[in-house]
């Protein structure tokens, strides 16, 4: 029986029991792996949100992103492997939207970016460990990821993303 999981997903280093539950997405970008790595470590304000404080450039750096006054996330860079991988751990978060009862669900989650070089393109694998369909903000947050992954792709291919403007 042929596996329903594409072969490139088997490279993601996530505990097997968690692989299928967590939010994952893959985008193919017409760029070099080094440029994608730079976007994730040094250029977050250009594709995610211009409300950026701190540093995301190396392991143990801490940064905070904001989306207005009611939404913020503070992340610690847990691992960086040049042109290959970036891992963030969410230390603090608030999604103060009236429709959410639990507004701190991102705290303790981990965001893994894996960069896969191709001949003329780069694949960006995003896995958000802890963002599962059972989490209250899943629909809102997964739609947010789609929006900002689109901005990241646009930024990498044209030099101009569509980040949140504070």
N, C-alpha and C. Protein backbone atom coordinates (compact mmCIF):
# COMPACT_ATOMS: atom_id res chain seq x y z
N UNK A 1 0.84 -1.18 0.00
CA UNK A 1 0.00 0.00 0.00
C UNK A 1 0.88 1.24 0.00
N UNK A 2 0.60 2.16 -0.88
CA UNK A 2 1.39 3.39 -0.99
C UNK A 2 1.03 4.34 0.15
N UNK A 3 2.06 4.96 0.72
CA UNK A 3 1.85 5.91 1.82
C UNK A 3 1.14 7.16 1.31
N UNK A 4 0.23 7.68 2.12
CA UNK A 4 -0.46 8.92 1.78
C UNK A 4 0.37 10.14 2.16
N UNK A 5 1.44 9.92 2.92
CA UNK A 5 2.31 11.02 3.35
C UNK A 5 3.42 11.18 2.32
N UNK A 6 3.58 12.38 1.73
CA UNK A 6 4.65 12.58 0.76
C UNK A 6 6.01 12.26 1.39
N UNK A 7 6.93 11.73 0.59
CA UNK A 7 8.22 11.29 1.10
C UNK A 7 8.99 12.41 1.80
N UNK A 8 8.85 13.65 1.35
CA UNK A 8 9.62 14.72 1.98
C UNK A 8 9.13 15.04 3.39
N UNK A 9 7.92 14.65 3.76
CA UNK A 9 7.45 14.87 5.12
C UNK A 9 8.14 13.96 6.12
N UNK A 10 8.68 12.85 5.66
CA UNK A 10 9.34 11.92 6.57
C UNK A 10 10.62 12.50 7.16
N UNK A 11 11.13 13.59 6.61
CA UNK A 11 12.36 14.22 7.09
C UNK A 11 12.11 15.13 8.29
N UNK A 12 10.88 15.50 8.56
CA UNK A 12 10.58 16.39 9.67
C UNK A 12 10.86 15.65 10.98
N UNK A 13 11.63 16.30 11.85
CA UNK A 13 12.00 15.67 13.12
C UNK A 13 10.97 16.06 14.17
N UNK A 14 9.93 15.28 14.25
CA UNK A 14 8.83 15.49 15.18
C UNK A 14 8.48 14.11 15.72
N UNK A 15 8.20 13.99 17.00
CA UNK A 15 7.78 12.67 17.50
C UNK A 15 6.63 12.13 16.64
N UNK A 16 6.73 10.86 16.26
CA UNK A 16 5.76 10.26 15.33
C UNK A 16 4.32 10.41 15.80
N UNK A 17 4.08 10.29 17.09
CA UNK A 17 2.71 10.39 17.59
C UNK A 17 2.15 11.79 17.39
N UNK A 18 3.01 12.80 17.27
CA UNK A 18 2.56 14.18 17.13
C UNK A 18 2.48 14.64 15.68
N UNK A 19 3.12 13.94 14.77
CA UNK A 19 3.26 14.42 13.40
C UNK A 19 1.94 14.75 12.74
N UNK A 20 0.96 13.91 12.88
CA UNK A 20 -0.29 14.10 12.16
C UNK A 20 -1.23 15.11 12.83
N UNK A 21 -1.06 15.35 14.10
CA UNK A 21 -1.98 16.22 14.83
C UNK A 21 -1.65 17.70 14.70
N UNK A 22 -0.40 18.03 14.55
CA UNK A 22 0.04 19.42 14.57
C UNK A 22 -0.16 20.11 13.23
N UNK A 23 -0.29 21.45 13.30
CA UNK A 23 -0.40 22.23 12.07
C UNK A 23 0.88 22.08 11.27
N UNK A 24 0.75 21.74 10.01
CA UNK A 24 1.90 21.67 9.11
C UNK A 24 1.51 22.30 7.78
N UNK A 25 2.49 22.86 7.14
CA UNK A 25 2.27 23.41 5.81
C UNK A 25 3.61 23.43 5.09
N UNK A 26 3.57 23.31 3.79
CA UNK A 26 4.77 23.35 2.97
C UNK A 26 4.52 24.33 1.83
N UNK A 27 5.47 25.24 1.64
CA UNK A 27 5.38 26.13 0.48
C UNK A 27 6.64 25.97 -0.36
N UNK A 28 6.46 26.05 -1.66
CA UNK A 28 7.58 26.02 -2.59
C UNK A 28 7.83 27.45 -3.04
N UNK A 29 9.08 27.87 -2.93
CA UNK A 29 9.42 29.26 -3.19
C UNK A 29 10.56 29.31 -4.21
N UNK A 30 10.45 30.23 -5.14
CA UNK A 30 11.51 30.44 -6.13
C UNK A 30 12.58 31.32 -5.50
N UNK A 31 13.44 30.69 -4.69
CA UNK A 31 14.51 31.40 -4.01
C UNK A 31 15.56 30.39 -3.57
N UNK A 32 16.67 30.89 -3.09
CA UNK A 32 17.74 30.06 -2.54
C UNK A 32 17.47 29.79 -1.07
N UNK A 33 17.97 28.68 -0.57
CA UNK A 33 17.79 28.32 0.84
C UNK A 33 18.35 29.41 1.76
N UNK A 34 19.46 30.00 1.41
CA UNK A 34 20.07 31.04 2.24
C UNK A 34 19.18 32.26 2.40
N UNK A 35 18.48 32.61 1.34
CA UNK A 35 17.56 33.75 1.41
C UNK A 35 16.37 33.43 2.31
N UNK A 36 15.86 32.21 2.24
CA UNK A 36 14.76 31.79 3.11
C UNK A 36 15.21 31.82 4.58
N UNK A 37 16.41 31.32 4.83
CA UNK A 37 16.97 31.33 6.19
C UNK A 37 17.08 32.76 6.72
N UNK A 38 17.56 33.67 5.91
CA UNK A 38 17.67 35.08 6.30
C UNK A 38 16.31 35.68 6.64
N UNK A 39 15.30 35.34 5.85
CA UNK A 39 13.94 35.85 6.11
C UNK A 39 13.43 35.39 7.47
N UNK A 40 13.78 34.16 7.87
CA UNK A 40 13.32 33.61 9.14
C UNK A 40 14.14 34.07 10.33
N UNK A 41 15.37 34.52 10.08
CA UNK A 41 16.25 34.88 11.19
C UNK A 41 16.53 36.38 11.30
N UNK A 42 16.38 37.12 10.22
CA UNK A 42 16.76 38.53 10.25
C UNK A 42 15.74 39.48 9.62
N UNK A 43 14.69 38.96 8.98
CA UNK A 43 13.81 39.83 8.21
C UNK A 43 12.32 39.62 8.53
N UNK A 44 12.01 39.16 9.72
CA UNK A 44 10.63 38.91 10.12
C UNK A 44 9.72 40.13 9.93
N UNK A 45 10.19 41.36 10.25
CA UNK A 45 9.30 42.52 10.06
C UNK A 45 8.89 42.77 8.60
N UNK A 46 9.60 42.19 7.67
CA UNK A 46 9.32 42.42 6.25
C UNK A 46 8.26 41.49 5.67
N UNK A 47 7.88 40.45 6.45
CA UNK A 47 6.86 39.53 5.94
C UNK A 47 5.81 39.13 6.98
N UNK A 48 6.09 39.26 8.29
CA UNK A 48 5.14 38.80 9.31
C UNK A 48 4.44 39.97 9.98
N UNK A 49 5.19 40.79 10.69
CA UNK A 49 4.63 41.98 11.33
C UNK A 49 5.73 42.99 11.54
N UNK A 50 5.42 44.26 11.28
CA UNK A 50 6.43 45.29 11.52
C UNK A 50 6.52 45.66 13.00
N UNK A 51 5.65 45.09 13.81
CA UNK A 51 5.70 45.29 15.26
C UNK A 51 6.58 44.18 15.86
N UNK A 52 7.88 44.35 15.71
CA UNK A 52 8.88 43.35 16.06
C UNK A 52 9.88 43.96 17.03
N UNK A 53 10.15 43.24 18.11
CA UNK A 53 11.15 43.68 19.09
C UNK A 53 12.08 42.51 19.38
N UNK A 54 13.36 42.82 19.61
CA UNK A 54 14.31 41.78 19.98
C UNK A 54 15.12 41.30 18.79
N UNK A 55 15.59 40.06 18.90
CA UNK A 55 16.43 39.47 17.86
C UNK A 55 16.00 38.03 17.61
N UNK A 56 16.02 37.63 16.35
CA UNK A 56 15.68 36.26 15.97
C UNK A 56 16.83 35.61 15.20
N UNK A 57 18.02 36.18 15.31
CA UNK A 57 19.12 35.79 14.43
C UNK A 57 19.97 34.62 14.90
N UNK A 58 19.90 34.27 16.19
CA UNK A 58 20.74 33.17 16.64
C UNK A 58 20.11 32.44 17.82
N UNK A 59 20.60 31.24 18.09
CA UNK A 59 20.10 30.42 19.18
C UNK A 59 20.14 31.20 20.50
N UNK A 60 19.09 31.07 21.29
CA UNK A 60 18.89 31.73 22.58
C UNK A 60 18.45 33.19 22.47
N UNK A 61 18.34 33.73 21.26
CA UNK A 61 17.77 35.07 21.07
C UNK A 61 16.29 35.01 21.44
N UNK A 62 15.75 36.15 21.85
CA UNK A 62 14.33 36.26 22.19
C UNK A 62 13.74 37.41 21.39
N UNK A 63 12.55 37.20 20.85
CA UNK A 63 11.89 38.27 20.12
C UNK A 63 10.39 38.23 20.40
N UNK A 64 9.77 39.39 20.23
CA UNK A 64 8.33 39.51 20.40
C UNK A 64 7.74 40.10 19.13
N UNK A 65 6.66 39.50 18.69
CA UNK A 65 5.90 40.04 17.56
C UNK A 65 4.54 40.45 18.08
N UNK A 66 4.01 41.52 17.52
CA UNK A 66 2.70 42.03 17.93
C UNK A 66 1.84 42.26 16.70
N UNK A 67 0.55 42.10 16.92
CA UNK A 67 -0.46 42.39 15.90
C UNK A 67 -1.46 43.31 16.57
N UNK A 68 -1.13 44.58 16.66
CA UNK A 68 -1.94 45.54 17.39
C UNK A 68 -1.73 45.37 18.89
N UNK A 69 -2.70 45.87 19.67
CA UNK A 69 -2.58 45.85 21.12
C UNK A 69 -3.04 44.54 21.75
N UNK A 70 -3.81 43.73 21.02
CA UNK A 70 -4.46 42.57 21.63
C UNK A 70 -3.81 41.22 21.33
N UNK A 71 -2.79 41.21 20.47
CA UNK A 71 -2.16 39.94 20.12
C UNK A 71 -0.65 40.10 20.14
N UNK A 72 0.01 39.24 20.90
CA UNK A 72 1.47 39.21 20.88
C UNK A 72 1.97 37.80 21.14
N UNK A 73 3.21 37.55 20.73
CA UNK A 73 3.88 36.29 20.97
C UNK A 73 5.35 36.58 21.23
N UNK A 74 5.89 36.01 22.31
CA UNK A 74 7.31 36.12 22.61
C UNK A 74 7.92 34.74 22.43
N UNK A 75 8.97 34.69 21.61
CA UNK A 75 9.57 33.41 21.26
C UNK A 75 11.07 33.41 21.53
N UNK A 76 11.54 32.26 21.92
CA UNK A 76 12.97 32.04 22.10
C UNK A 76 13.45 31.17 20.95
N UNK A 77 14.55 31.57 20.33
CA UNK A 77 15.13 30.77 19.26
C UNK A 77 15.84 29.59 19.91
N UNK A 78 15.33 28.39 19.66
CA UNK A 78 15.89 27.18 20.28
C UNK A 78 17.01 26.56 19.44
N UNK A 79 16.92 26.73 18.12
CA UNK A 79 17.94 26.13 17.25
C UNK A 79 17.97 26.86 15.93
N UNK A 80 19.17 27.03 15.41
CA UNK A 80 19.35 27.54 14.05
C UNK A 80 20.43 26.69 13.38
N UNK A 81 20.13 26.25 12.18
CA UNK A 81 21.10 25.55 11.36
C UNK A 81 21.08 26.29 10.02
N UNK A 82 22.16 26.97 9.71
CA UNK A 82 22.21 27.83 8.52
C UNK A 82 21.65 27.14 7.29
N UNK A 83 20.74 27.83 6.61
CA UNK A 83 20.15 27.39 5.35
C UNK A 83 19.38 26.07 5.46
N UNK A 84 19.04 25.65 6.70
CA UNK A 84 18.43 24.34 6.87
C UNK A 84 17.27 24.31 7.86
N UNK A 85 17.41 24.93 9.05
CA UNK A 85 16.38 24.78 10.08
C UNK A 85 16.40 25.96 11.05
N UNK A 86 15.20 26.33 11.51
CA UNK A 86 15.03 27.32 12.57
C UNK A 86 13.91 26.81 13.47
N UNK A 87 14.15 26.83 14.79
CA UNK A 87 13.13 26.38 15.74
C UNK A 87 12.91 27.48 16.78
N UNK A 88 11.63 27.83 16.98
CA UNK A 88 11.24 28.82 17.97
C UNK A 88 10.36 28.15 19.02
N UNK A 89 10.56 28.54 20.29
CA UNK A 89 9.71 28.08 21.39
C UNK A 89 8.92 29.28 21.89
N UNK A 90 7.61 29.15 21.98
CA UNK A 90 6.75 30.26 22.39
C UNK A 90 6.74 30.33 23.93
N UNK A 91 7.36 31.38 24.46
CA UNK A 91 7.44 31.57 25.91
C UNK A 91 6.24 32.32 26.47
N UNK A 92 5.69 33.24 25.68
CA UNK A 92 4.54 34.02 26.13
C UNK A 92 3.68 34.33 24.92
N UNK A 93 2.39 34.44 25.15
CA UNK A 93 1.48 34.72 24.05
C UNK A 93 0.14 35.19 24.59
N UNK A 94 -0.47 36.08 23.86
CA UNK A 94 -1.83 36.51 24.16
C UNK A 94 -2.54 36.74 22.84
N UNK A 95 -3.68 36.10 22.68
CA UNK A 95 -4.56 36.33 21.53
C UNK A 95 -5.88 36.80 22.14
N UNK A 96 -5.96 38.09 22.44
CA UNK A 96 -7.11 38.64 23.17
C UNK A 96 -8.25 38.97 22.21
N UNK A 97 -8.87 37.92 21.73
CA UNK A 97 -10.04 38.05 20.87
C UNK A 97 -11.25 37.59 21.68
N UNK A 98 -12.37 38.31 21.61
CA UNK A 98 -13.53 37.97 22.44
C UNK A 98 -14.08 36.57 22.19
N UNK A 99 -13.89 36.04 20.99
CA UNK A 99 -14.44 34.71 20.69
C UNK A 99 -13.60 33.57 21.28
N UNK A 100 -12.43 33.87 21.85
CA UNK A 100 -11.58 32.84 22.43
C UNK A 100 -11.66 32.85 23.96
N UNK A 101 -11.95 31.70 24.54
CA UNK A 101 -11.93 31.58 26.00
C UNK A 101 -10.50 31.42 26.50
N UNK A 102 -9.72 30.58 25.82
CA UNK A 102 -8.32 30.38 26.18
C UNK A 102 -7.46 31.22 25.23
N UNK A 103 -7.00 32.34 25.72
CA UNK A 103 -6.28 33.29 24.87
C UNK A 103 -4.76 33.13 24.93
N UNK A 104 -4.29 32.08 25.62
CA UNK A 104 -2.85 31.88 25.77
C UNK A 104 -2.40 30.52 25.24
N UNK A 105 -3.13 29.97 24.30
CA UNK A 105 -2.87 28.60 23.84
C UNK A 105 -1.52 28.41 23.15
N UNK A 106 -0.90 29.46 22.67
CA UNK A 106 0.39 29.30 22.01
C UNK A 106 1.53 29.08 22.99
N UNK A 107 1.35 29.45 24.26
CA UNK A 107 2.43 29.30 25.24
C UNK A 107 2.80 27.82 25.34
N UNK A 108 4.11 27.56 25.23
CA UNK A 108 4.60 26.19 25.31
C UNK A 108 4.60 25.45 23.99
N UNK A 109 4.18 26.09 22.91
CA UNK A 109 4.21 25.44 21.60
C UNK A 109 5.56 25.70 20.95
N UNK A 110 5.85 24.93 19.92
CA UNK A 110 7.14 25.03 19.22
C UNK A 110 6.87 25.15 17.72
N UNK A 111 7.59 26.07 17.10
CA UNK A 111 7.45 26.30 15.66
C UNK A 111 8.75 25.87 14.99
N UNK A 112 8.63 24.91 14.08
CA UNK A 112 9.80 24.37 13.37
C UNK A 112 9.72 24.75 11.90
N UNK A 113 10.76 25.40 11.43
CA UNK A 113 10.91 25.71 10.00
C UNK A 113 12.04 24.83 9.47
N UNK A 114 11.73 24.02 8.46
CA UNK A 114 12.77 23.24 7.81
C UNK A 114 12.87 23.71 6.37
N UNK A 115 14.09 23.94 5.95
CA UNK A 115 14.37 24.50 4.63
C UNK A 115 15.00 23.40 3.79
N UNK A 116 14.36 23.09 2.68
CA UNK A 116 14.84 22.03 1.80
C UNK A 116 15.22 22.62 0.45
N UNK A 117 16.50 22.51 0.12
CA UNK A 117 17.00 23.02 -1.15
C UNK A 117 16.54 22.11 -2.29
N UNK A 118 16.10 22.74 -3.36
CA UNK A 118 15.77 22.05 -4.60
C UNK A 118 16.64 22.65 -5.70
N UNK A 119 16.52 22.14 -6.91
CA UNK A 119 17.36 22.65 -7.99
C UNK A 119 17.15 24.14 -8.24
N UNK A 120 15.90 24.56 -8.45
CA UNK A 120 15.62 25.97 -8.73
C UNK A 120 14.68 26.61 -7.71
N UNK A 121 14.30 25.84 -6.71
CA UNK A 121 13.37 26.33 -5.71
C UNK A 121 13.81 25.86 -4.32
N UNK A 122 13.08 26.33 -3.34
CA UNK A 122 13.30 25.90 -1.96
C UNK A 122 11.94 25.54 -1.37
N UNK A 123 11.88 24.42 -0.65
CA UNK A 123 10.67 24.07 0.09
C UNK A 123 10.84 24.52 1.53
N UNK A 124 9.82 25.20 2.03
CA UNK A 124 9.78 25.58 3.44
C UNK A 124 8.71 24.72 4.11
N UNK A 125 9.14 23.90 5.06
CA UNK A 125 8.24 23.04 5.83
C UNK A 125 8.00 23.75 7.16
N UNK A 126 6.77 24.04 7.46
CA UNK A 126 6.40 24.63 8.74
C UNK A 126 5.62 23.60 9.54
N UNK A 127 6.08 23.35 10.77
CA UNK A 127 5.34 22.51 11.70
C UNK A 127 5.18 23.30 12.98
N UNK A 128 3.95 23.48 13.42
CA UNK A 128 3.67 24.18 14.68
C UNK A 128 3.20 23.14 15.69
N UNK A 129 4.16 22.65 16.49
CA UNK A 129 3.85 21.61 17.47
C UNK A 129 3.03 22.23 18.60
N UNK A 130 1.86 21.68 18.80
CA UNK A 130 0.94 22.18 19.82
C UNK A 130 -0.26 22.89 19.23
N UNK A 131 -0.16 23.30 17.98
CA UNK A 131 -1.32 23.89 17.29
C UNK A 131 -2.04 22.74 16.59
N UNK A 132 -3.05 22.21 17.27
CA UNK A 132 -3.78 21.02 16.82
C UNK A 132 -5.25 21.38 16.61
N UNK A 133 -5.96 20.59 15.84
CA UNK A 133 -7.39 20.87 15.63
C UNK A 133 -8.20 20.95 16.92
N UNK A 134 -7.74 20.32 17.98
CA UNK A 134 -8.46 20.36 19.25
C UNK A 134 -8.24 21.67 20.02
N UNK A 135 -7.30 22.50 19.58
CA UNK A 135 -7.02 23.77 20.22
C UNK A 135 -8.05 24.80 19.77
N UNK A 136 -8.55 25.58 20.71
CA UNK A 136 -9.64 26.52 20.41
C UNK A 136 -9.30 27.48 19.27
N UNK A 137 -8.07 27.98 19.22
CA UNK A 137 -7.71 28.98 18.21
C UNK A 137 -7.27 28.35 16.88
N UNK A 138 -7.41 27.04 16.73
CA UNK A 138 -6.86 26.37 15.54
C UNK A 138 -7.31 27.02 14.23
N UNK A 139 -8.58 27.26 14.06
CA UNK A 139 -9.07 27.82 12.79
C UNK A 139 -8.51 29.22 12.56
N UNK A 140 -8.59 30.06 13.58
CA UNK A 140 -8.07 31.44 13.47
C UNK A 140 -6.57 31.41 13.19
N UNK A 141 -5.85 30.59 13.96
CA UNK A 141 -4.39 30.56 13.85
C UNK A 141 -3.91 29.91 12.56
N UNK A 142 -4.56 28.84 12.12
CA UNK A 142 -4.14 28.22 10.87
C UNK A 142 -4.42 29.15 9.69
N UNK A 143 -5.51 29.92 9.74
CA UNK A 143 -5.75 30.92 8.71
C UNK A 143 -4.70 32.02 8.76
N UNK A 144 -4.28 32.38 9.96
CA UNK A 144 -3.19 33.36 10.11
C UNK A 144 -1.90 32.85 9.49
N UNK A 145 -1.58 31.59 9.74
CA UNK A 145 -0.38 31.02 9.13
C UNK A 145 -0.48 31.08 7.60
N UNK A 146 -1.64 30.76 7.05
CA UNK A 146 -1.80 30.82 5.58
C UNK A 146 -1.54 32.23 5.06
N UNK A 147 -2.07 33.22 5.77
CA UNK A 147 -1.87 34.61 5.36
C UNK A 147 -0.39 34.98 5.37
N UNK A 148 0.32 34.62 6.44
CA UNK A 148 1.70 35.05 6.55
C UNK A 148 2.67 34.17 5.78
N UNK A 149 2.30 32.92 5.52
CA UNK A 149 3.10 32.11 4.61
C UNK A 149 3.02 32.68 3.19
N UNK A 150 1.86 33.16 2.83
CA UNK A 150 1.69 33.81 1.53
C UNK A 150 2.56 35.07 1.46
N UNK A 151 2.59 35.83 2.55
CA UNK A 151 3.42 37.03 2.61
C UNK A 151 4.90 36.66 2.52
N UNK A 152 5.30 35.61 3.22
CA UNK A 152 6.69 35.15 3.19
C UNK A 152 7.09 34.75 1.77
N UNK A 153 6.23 33.99 1.10
CA UNK A 153 6.50 33.58 -0.29
C UNK A 153 6.65 34.80 -1.19
N UNK A 154 5.72 35.74 -1.05
CA UNK A 154 5.77 36.97 -1.85
C UNK A 154 7.06 37.74 -1.58
N UNK A 155 7.42 37.86 -0.31
CA UNK A 155 8.65 38.56 0.07
C UNK A 155 9.87 37.89 -0.55
N UNK A 156 9.94 36.57 -0.47
CA UNK A 156 11.11 35.86 -0.99
C UNK A 156 11.19 35.91 -2.51
N UNK A 157 10.05 35.99 -3.18
CA UNK A 157 10.06 35.97 -4.64
C UNK A 157 10.09 37.36 -5.27
N UNK A 158 9.60 38.37 -4.54
CA UNK A 158 9.53 39.72 -5.15
C UNK A 158 10.28 40.78 -4.35
N UNK A 159 10.64 40.45 -3.10
CA UNK A 159 11.30 41.44 -2.25
C UNK A 159 10.33 42.28 -1.45
N UNK A 160 9.01 42.05 -1.64
CA UNK A 160 8.02 42.83 -0.90
C UNK A 160 6.92 41.91 -0.39
N UNK A 161 6.89 41.74 0.94
CA UNK A 161 5.83 40.95 1.56
C UNK A 161 4.65 41.81 1.96
N UNK A 162 3.70 41.20 2.63
CA UNK A 162 2.51 41.92 3.11
C UNK A 162 2.37 41.69 4.63
N UNK A 163 3.34 42.20 5.41
CA UNK A 163 3.28 41.99 6.85
C UNK A 163 2.17 42.81 7.50
N UNK A 164 1.80 42.43 8.72
CA UNK A 164 0.88 43.24 9.51
C UNK A 164 1.56 44.58 9.76
N UNK A 165 0.82 45.66 9.59
CA UNK A 165 1.35 47.01 9.83
C UNK A 165 0.71 47.57 11.07
N UNK A 166 1.54 47.85 12.07
CA UNK A 166 1.05 48.37 13.34
C UNK A 166 0.88 49.86 13.39
